[in-house]
């Protein structure tokens, strides 16, 4: 029964649904839930450092409940998206209601679409790959899995990785360098694959070209069926979702670097990602906050990720960290002393 705790991940879609149905001030329900209620509760909630016995790992891997909890996000996300498009096209809303609902839809896509796609994107089955692409489609970030798996995981915590924030780099500058850097890297990987297969740019094996067509088709369909305001919702919500993703990238690896030994970077270790053991954030994000273990072995499913003693730990949960990162001087004031502590431990 304790594994049903991951049902709490559906609380974000429920808060978005409340905003769409009730309108008015309730349009901001999901914003208040994620960035006020959860940080407040996490202040008083205990942190739990997760670990499992070999028998527990085997049992959790055999339990298909964990997989279906991910799969169900696909119909949930699309149902809420299209309901939101319908409301935008039919209801007469005030300007502040439009703003609240657009941000709420962006939060929905960030937590229950792109975050779930990140987990499923490391899986091998065709079914799970299809679900990954369906979830990334409304986020307008379908190239993410290609670059993330073959770029970010290879070069994380090095200057070669645009998704690793440098010490002193502001979040808003990181958005630009990471978004464009990862997109360029994705094309480098794709073009290299085409060259290796001796195929031209317009081949059906050019996944990135197909992704562009799919994303344009998605936005065009929203415009044709729901009108210009819903098109604006789809476009801005998608952008918000991948900016939240990049904000999480920012806090996950900020200032952490692998040693370069004679031109070769040391193997990725648990010390190269920031972790958070705050329970609510862990559950809602399907253990994304146990990020060190994920990078140490990317194939590990979320239900068996563990807290490791050598992992740098954030003094707060991910929702709080996101808010603090929006204020660069405050972020630097809190995190830079932590970085110094980490480096002193390594030297010792």
Protein backbone atom coordinates (compact mmCIF):
# COMPACT_ATOMS: atom_id res chain seq x y z
CA UNK A 1 0.00 0.00 0.00
CA UNK A 2 2.86 2.41 0.69
CA UNK A 3 3.75 2.34 -3.02
CA UNK A 4 0.44 4.07 -3.73
CA UNK A 5 2.10 7.23 -2.43
CA UNK A 6 3.00 7.97 -6.06
CA UNK A 7 -0.68 8.68 -6.71
CA UNK A 8 0.20 12.03 -5.16
CA UNK A 9 1.86 12.88 -8.50
CA UNK A 10 -1.67 13.22 -9.90
CA UNK A 11 -2.39 16.03 -7.45
CA UNK A 12 -0.83 18.53 -9.86
CA UNK A 13 -3.27 17.61 -12.67
CA UNK A 14 -6.11 17.81 -10.14
CA UNK A 15 -5.05 21.32 -9.16
CA UNK A 16 -4.95 22.31 -12.84
CA UNK A 17 -8.42 20.81 -13.38
CA UNK A 18 -9.73 22.85 -10.45
CA UNK A 19 -8.34 26.00 -12.04
CA UNK A 20 -9.91 25.27 -15.42
CA UNK A 21 -13.33 24.40 -13.95
CA UNK A 22 -13.63 27.13 -11.32
CA UNK A 23 -11.80 30.01 -13.02
CA UNK A 24 -11.46 33.33 -11.20
CA UNK A 25 -8.82 33.27 -8.47
CA UNK A 26 -8.88 29.48 -8.71
CA UNK A 27 -7.05 29.80 -12.04
CA UNK A 28 -3.92 30.07 -9.88
CA UNK A 29 -4.63 26.90 -7.85
CA UNK A 30 -1.79 24.84 -9.31
CA UNK A 31 0.70 27.71 -8.98
CA UNK A 32 -0.15 28.13 -5.31
CA UNK A 33 -0.15 24.38 -4.76
CA UNK A 34 3.28 23.73 -6.31
CA UNK A 35 5.12 26.88 -5.24
CA UNK A 36 3.46 27.82 -1.95
CA UNK A 37 1.73 24.82 -0.36
CA UNK A 38 4.38 22.18 -1.14
CA UNK A 39 7.38 24.32 -0.06
CA UNK A 40 5.53 25.22 3.16
CA UNK A 41 4.73 21.58 3.97
CA UNK A 42 8.28 20.48 3.18
CA UNK A 43 9.62 22.87 5.80
CA UNK A 44 7.95 20.74 8.47
CA UNK A 45 8.20 17.34 6.77
CA UNK A 46 11.01 14.91 7.58
CA UNK A 47 13.55 14.02 4.91
CA UNK A 48 13.98 10.35 4.09
CA UNK A 49 17.16 8.86 2.65
CA UNK A 50 15.94 5.97 0.52
CA UNK A 51 17.72 2.63 0.32
CA UNK A 52 16.61 -0.91 -0.59
CA UNK A 53 17.73 -4.46 -0.01
CA UNK A 54 18.38 -6.67 -3.05
CA UNK A 55 15.07 -8.46 -2.43
CA UNK A 56 13.18 -5.16 -2.27
CA UNK A 57 14.77 -4.02 -5.53
CA UNK A 58 13.70 -7.21 -7.29
CA UNK A 59 10.14 -6.96 -5.97
CA UNK A 60 9.81 -3.33 -6.98
CA UNK A 61 11.08 -4.06 -10.48
CA UNK A 62 8.53 -6.87 -10.89
CA UNK A 63 5.64 -4.68 -9.73
CA UNK A 64 3.98 -3.23 -12.86
CA UNK A 65 2.09 -0.69 -10.76
CA UNK A 66 5.10 1.62 -10.96
CA UNK A 67 5.03 1.53 -14.76
CA UNK A 68 1.28 2.10 -15.06
CA UNK A 69 1.50 5.09 -12.74
CA UNK A 70 3.70 6.62 -15.43
CA UNK A 71 1.66 5.47 -18.43
CA UNK A 72 -1.57 6.98 -17.08
CA UNK A 73 -0.05 10.43 -17.33
CA UNK A 74 -0.50 10.34 -21.12
CA UNK A 75 -4.34 10.30 -21.16
CA UNK A 76 -4.46 12.61 -18.14
CA UNK A 77 -2.22 15.24 -19.75
CA UNK A 78 -3.99 15.16 -23.11
CA UNK A 79 -7.47 15.22 -21.54
CA UNK A 80 -6.57 18.31 -19.53
CA UNK A 81 -4.86 19.94 -22.50
CA UNK A 82 -7.83 19.60 -24.78
CA UNK A 83 -10.25 20.60 -22.05
CA UNK A 84 -8.14 23.69 -21.51
CA UNK A 85 -8.13 24.43 -25.24
CA UNK A 86 -11.93 24.08 -25.30
CA UNK A 87 -12.38 26.46 -22.35
CA UNK A 88 -10.01 28.98 -23.93
CA UNK A 89 -11.96 28.86 -27.16
CA UNK A 90 -15.46 29.07 -25.62
CA UNK A 91 -15.33 30.88 -22.27
CA UNK A 92 -15.11 34.63 -21.77
CA UNK A 93 -12.26 34.96 -19.31
CA UNK A 94 -10.61 37.93 -17.69
CA UNK A 95 -7.01 38.67 -18.60
CA UNK A 96 -5.71 37.52 -15.19
CA UNK A 97 -7.57 34.22 -15.65
CA UNK A 98 -5.87 33.64 -19.00
CA UNK A 99 -2.48 34.24 -17.37
CA UNK A 100 -3.19 31.88 -14.48
CA UNK A 101 -4.43 29.08 -16.71
CA UNK A 102 -1.54 29.40 -19.18
CA UNK A 103 1.03 29.12 -16.36
CA UNK A 104 -0.96 26.24 -14.84
CA UNK A 105 -0.90 24.33 -18.12
CA UNK A 106 2.84 24.94 -18.32
CA UNK A 107 3.25 23.47 -14.83
CA UNK A 108 1.14 20.46 -15.84
CA UNK A 109 3.36 19.80 -18.85
CA UNK A 110 6.54 20.30 -16.81
CA UNK A 111 5.59 17.87 -14.03
CA UNK A 112 3.40 15.24 -15.69
CA UNK A 113 4.62 15.37 -19.29
CA UNK A 114 8.28 16.27 -19.72
CA UNK A 115 9.30 14.87 -16.32
CA UNK A 116 7.56 11.55 -17.01
CA UNK A 117 9.03 11.55 -20.53
CA UNK A 118 12.47 11.91 -18.94
CA UNK A 119 11.87 8.70 -16.99
CA UNK A 120 10.34 6.77 -19.90
CA UNK A 121 12.95 8.09 -22.32
CA UNK A 122 15.54 5.84 -20.70
CA UNK A 123 13.43 2.74 -21.36
CA UNK A 124 13.98 0.42 -24.34
CA UNK A 125 10.51 -0.81 -25.32
CA UNK A 126 8.81 0.63 -28.41
CA UNK A 127 5.62 1.25 -26.40
CA UNK A 128 7.45 3.38 -23.85
CA UNK A 129 9.32 5.27 -26.56
CA UNK A 130 6.01 6.14 -28.21
CA UNK A 131 4.66 7.40 -24.88
CA UNK A 132 7.82 9.47 -24.42
CA UNK A 133 7.27 11.22 -27.74
CA UNK A 134 3.58 11.78 -27.05
CA UNK A 135 4.46 13.46 -23.75
CA UNK A 136 7.19 15.64 -25.27
CA UNK A 137 5.03 16.73 -28.23
CA UNK A 138 2.94 19.40 -26.40
CA UNK A 139 6.11 20.52 -24.59
CA UNK A 140 7.61 21.36 -28.02
CA UNK A 141 10.77 19.59 -26.87
CA UNK A 142 10.80 16.31 -28.76
CA UNK A 143 14.55 16.49 -29.36
CA UNK A 144 15.12 16.28 -25.60
CA UNK A 145 15.52 12.50 -25.27
CA UNK A 146 18.06 12.25 -28.10
CA UNK A 147 20.34 14.91 -26.63
CA UNK A 148 19.68 14.01 -23.00
CA UNK A 149 20.55 10.33 -23.34
CA UNK A 150 23.50 10.66 -25.69
CA UNK A 151 24.76 14.14 -24.84
CA UNK A 152 23.89 15.21 -21.31
CA UNK A 153 24.54 11.84 -19.68
CA UNK A 154 27.89 11.59 -21.46
CA UNK A 155 29.16 15.10 -20.74
CA UNK A 156 27.33 16.04 -17.52
CA UNK A 157 29.40 18.14 -15.11
CA UNK A 158 31.84 19.17 -17.83
CA UNK A 159 32.13 22.36 -19.94
CA UNK A 160 30.94 20.29 -22.93
CA UNK A 161 27.45 19.94 -21.45
CA UNK A 162 25.15 22.93 -22.00
CA UNK A 163 22.73 21.48 -19.43
CA UNK A 164 25.31 21.84 -16.63
CA UNK A 165 25.20 25.36 -15.14
CA UNK A 166 28.54 26.97 -14.37
CA UNK A 167 29.24 28.52 -10.99
CA UNK A 168 28.11 32.15 -11.10
CA UNK A 169 25.86 31.65 -14.12
CA UNK A 170 22.42 33.20 -13.67
CA UNK A 171 19.37 31.07 -14.40
CA UNK A 172 18.14 33.39 -17.17
CA UNK A 173 21.45 33.21 -19.02
CA UNK A 174 21.44 29.44 -18.52
CA UNK A 175 18.01 29.20 -20.17
CA UNK A 176 19.47 30.63 -23.37
CA UNK A 177 22.71 28.63 -23.41
CA UNK A 178 21.07 25.35 -22.40
CA UNK A 179 18.03 25.50 -24.69
CA UNK A 180 20.01 26.44 -27.79
CA UNK A 181 23.08 24.41 -26.86
CA UNK A 182 21.10 21.22 -26.41
CA UNK A 183 19.20 21.78 -29.64
CA UNK A 184 22.44 22.25 -31.58
CA UNK A 185 23.90 19.14 -29.92
CA UNK A 186 20.79 17.13 -30.84
CA UNK A 187 21.29 18.06 -34.49
CA UNK A 188 24.97 17.12 -34.33
CA UNK A 189 24.03 13.69 -33.03
CA UNK A 190 21.26 13.28 -35.62
CA UNK A 191 23.40 14.36 -38.58
CA UNK A 192 26.20 12.06 -37.46
CA UNK A 193 23.73 9.16 -37.34
CA UNK A 194 22.47 9.94 -40.86
CA UNK A 195 26.02 10.11 -42.16
CA UNK A 196 26.86 6.78 -40.55
CA UNK A 197 23.78 5.20 -42.18
CA UNK A 198 24.60 6.93 -45.50
CA UNK A 199 21.19 8.62 -45.58
CA UNK A 200 20.29 12.13 -46.71
CA UNK A 201 18.73 14.91 -44.63
CA UNK A 202 15.18 14.18 -45.81
CA UNK A 203 15.26 10.54 -44.80
CA UNK A 204 12.51 9.10 -42.62
CA UNK A 205 15.34 8.20 -40.24
CA UNK A 206 15.84 11.90 -39.54
CA UNK A 207 13.98 11.92 -36.23
CA UNK A 208 14.51 15.61 -35.56
CA UNK A 209 12.96 16.57 -38.89
CA UNK A 210 9.95 14.36 -38.11
CA UNK A 211 9.73 15.95 -34.65
CA UNK A 212 9.60 19.44 -36.20
CA UNK A 213 6.81 18.34 -38.53
CA UNK A 214 4.90 16.73 -35.63
CA UNK A 215 5.17 19.82 -33.44
CA UNK A 216 4.08 22.15 -36.25
CA UNK A 217 1.20 19.77 -36.96
CA UNK A 218 0.18 19.79 -33.29
CA UNK A 219 0.12 23.61 -33.11
CA UNK A 220 -1.68 23.83 -36.45
CA UNK A 221 -4.34 21.37 -35.26
CA UNK A 222 -4.89 23.37 -32.08
CA UNK A 223 -5.31 26.54 -34.15
CA UNK A 224 -7.73 24.92 -36.64
CA UNK A 225 -9.92 23.20 -34.05
CA UNK A 226 -9.80 25.64 -31.14
CA UNK A 227 -8.79 29.02 -32.54
CA UNK A 228 -6.07 31.57 -32.01
CA UNK A 229 -6.31 31.91 -28.20
CA UNK A 230 -5.91 28.17 -27.69
CA UNK A 231 -2.98 28.27 -30.10
CA UNK A 232 -1.40 30.94 -27.89
CA UNK A 233 -2.08 28.73 -24.85
CA UNK A 234 -0.46 25.70 -26.51
CA UNK A 235 2.59 27.69 -27.61
CA UNK A 236 3.27 29.54 -24.34
CA UNK A 237 2.46 26.54 -22.11
CA UNK A 238 4.93 24.46 -24.12
CA UNK A 239 7.64 27.09 -23.70
CA UNK A 240 6.93 27.39 -19.97
CA UNK A 241 7.20 23.62 -19.61
CA UNK A 242 10.66 23.35 -21.11
CA UNK A 243 11.87 26.42 -19.23
CA UNK A 244 10.82 24.68 -16.01
CA UNK A 245 12.73 21.61 -17.23
CA UNK A 246 15.81 23.76 -17.81
CA UNK A 247 15.39 25.33 -14.38
CA UNK A 248 15.51 21.83 -12.90
CA UNK A 249 18.62 21.11 -14.99
CA UNK A 250 20.09 24.28 -13.51
CA UNK A 251 19.57 23.24 -9.89
CA UNK A 252 20.51 19.59 -10.47
CA UNK A 253 24.11 20.19 -11.55
CA UNK A 254 24.88 23.81 -10.69
CA UNK A 255 28.60 24.39 -10.18
CA UNK A 256 29.53 20.69 -10.04
CA UNK A 257 32.42 19.53 -12.23
CA UNK A 258 34.17 16.25 -13.00
CA UNK A 259 37.96 16.21 -12.81
CA UNK A 260 39.85 16.23 -16.08
CA UNK A 261 42.75 13.80 -15.75
CA UNK A 262 45.20 13.87 -18.66
CA UNK A 263 42.51 14.92 -21.10
CA UNK A 264 39.94 12.37 -19.87
CA UNK A 265 37.05 13.19 -17.54
CA UNK A 266 36.58 11.01 -14.50
CA UNK A 267 33.60 8.66 -14.49
CA UNK A 268 30.27 10.19 -13.46
CA UNK A 269 29.82 9.67 -9.73
CA UNK A 270 27.15 10.44 -7.15
CA UNK A 271 28.94 13.66 -6.21
CA UNK A 272 28.16 15.22 -9.61
CA UNK A 273 24.44 15.92 -9.04
CA UNK A 274 22.51 17.78 -6.38
CA UNK A 275 19.97 15.66 -4.49
CA UNK A 276 16.96 16.45 -2.38
CA UNK A 277 15.45 13.97 0.07
CA UNK A 278 12.32 16.06 0.73
CA UNK A 279 9.53 13.52 0.47
CA UNK A 280 6.72 15.42 -1.28
CA UNK A 281 8.92 16.74 -4.06
CA UNK A 282 10.37 13.28 -4.52
CA UNK A 283 6.96 11.66 -4.90
CA UNK A 284 5.42 14.29 -7.18
CA UNK A 285 8.44 14.19 -9.49
CA UNK A 286 8.76 10.38 -9.48
CA UNK A 287 12.05 10.46 -7.56
CA UNK A 288 13.72 12.84 -10.01
CA UNK A 289 15.25 14.55 -6.98
CA UNK A 290 17.39 11.45 -6.28
CA UNK A 291 19.33 12.61 -9.30
CA UNK A 292 22.81 11.41 -8.37
CA UNK A 293 21.78 7.78 -8.50
CA UNK A 294 20.02 8.36 -11.81
CA UNK A 295 23.22 9.71 -13.38
CA UNK A 296 25.34 7.01 -11.83
CA UNK A 297 23.19 4.41 -13.60
CA UNK A 298 20.70 5.91 -16.04
CA UNK A 299 18.87 2.62 -16.64
CA UNK A 300 17.63 2.43 -13.01
CA UNK A 301 13.87 2.87 -12.81
CA UNK A 302 12.55 5.56 -10.52
CA UNK A 303 11.16 3.12 -7.93
CA UNK A 304 14.64 1.78 -7.06
CA UNK A 305 16.62 5.04 -7.01
CA UNK A 306 18.45 5.52 -3.72
CA UNK A 307 20.01 8.29 -1.66
CA UNK A 308 23.78 8.07 -1.57
CA UNK A 309 25.91 9.52 1.20
CA UNK A 310 28.39 11.21 -1.17
CA UNK A 311 25.67 13.09 -3.04
CA UNK A 312 25.58 16.87 -2.55
CA UNK A 313 22.30 17.75 -0.86
CA UNK A 314 20.13 20.78 -1.39
CA UNK A 315 18.89 22.32 1.87
CA UNK A 316 15.37 22.45 0.37
CA UNK A 317 13.09 20.60 -2.05
CA UNK A 318 12.96 21.15 -5.78
CA UNK A 319 9.91 23.50 -5.80
CA UNK A 320 11.65 25.76 -3.28
CA UNK A 321 14.93 25.51 -5.17
CA UNK A 322 13.19 26.64 -8.36
CA UNK A 323 11.79 29.72 -6.62
CA UNK A 324 15.19 30.59 -5.15
CA UNK A 325 16.91 30.12 -8.53
CA UNK A 326 14.59 32.81 -9.93
CA UNK A 327 16.45 35.26 -7.64
CA UNK A 328 20.13 34.81 -8.65
CA UNK A 329 21.76 36.73 -5.75
CA UNK A 330 19.80 34.66 -3.23
CA UNK A 331 20.67 31.42 -5.06
CA UNK A 332 24.38 32.29 -5.11
CA UNK A 333 24.28 33.30 -1.41
CA UNK A 334 22.84 29.91 -0.39
CA UNK A 335 24.55 27.52 -2.82
CA UNK A 336 28.10 28.89 -3.10
CA UNK A 337 28.99 28.05 0.53
CA UNK A 338 27.62 24.54 -0.10
CA UNK A 339 29.88 24.23 -3.14
CA UNK A 340 32.84 25.28 -1.03
CA UNK A 341 32.02 22.61 1.56
CA UNK A 342 31.85 19.96 -1.17
CA UNK A 343 35.24 20.94 -2.56
CA UNK A 344 36.84 20.90 0.89
CA UNK A 345 35.51 17.38 1.50
CA UNK A 346 36.92 16.23 -1.84
CA UNK A 347 40.33 17.70 -1.04
CA UNK A 348 40.34 15.99 2.35
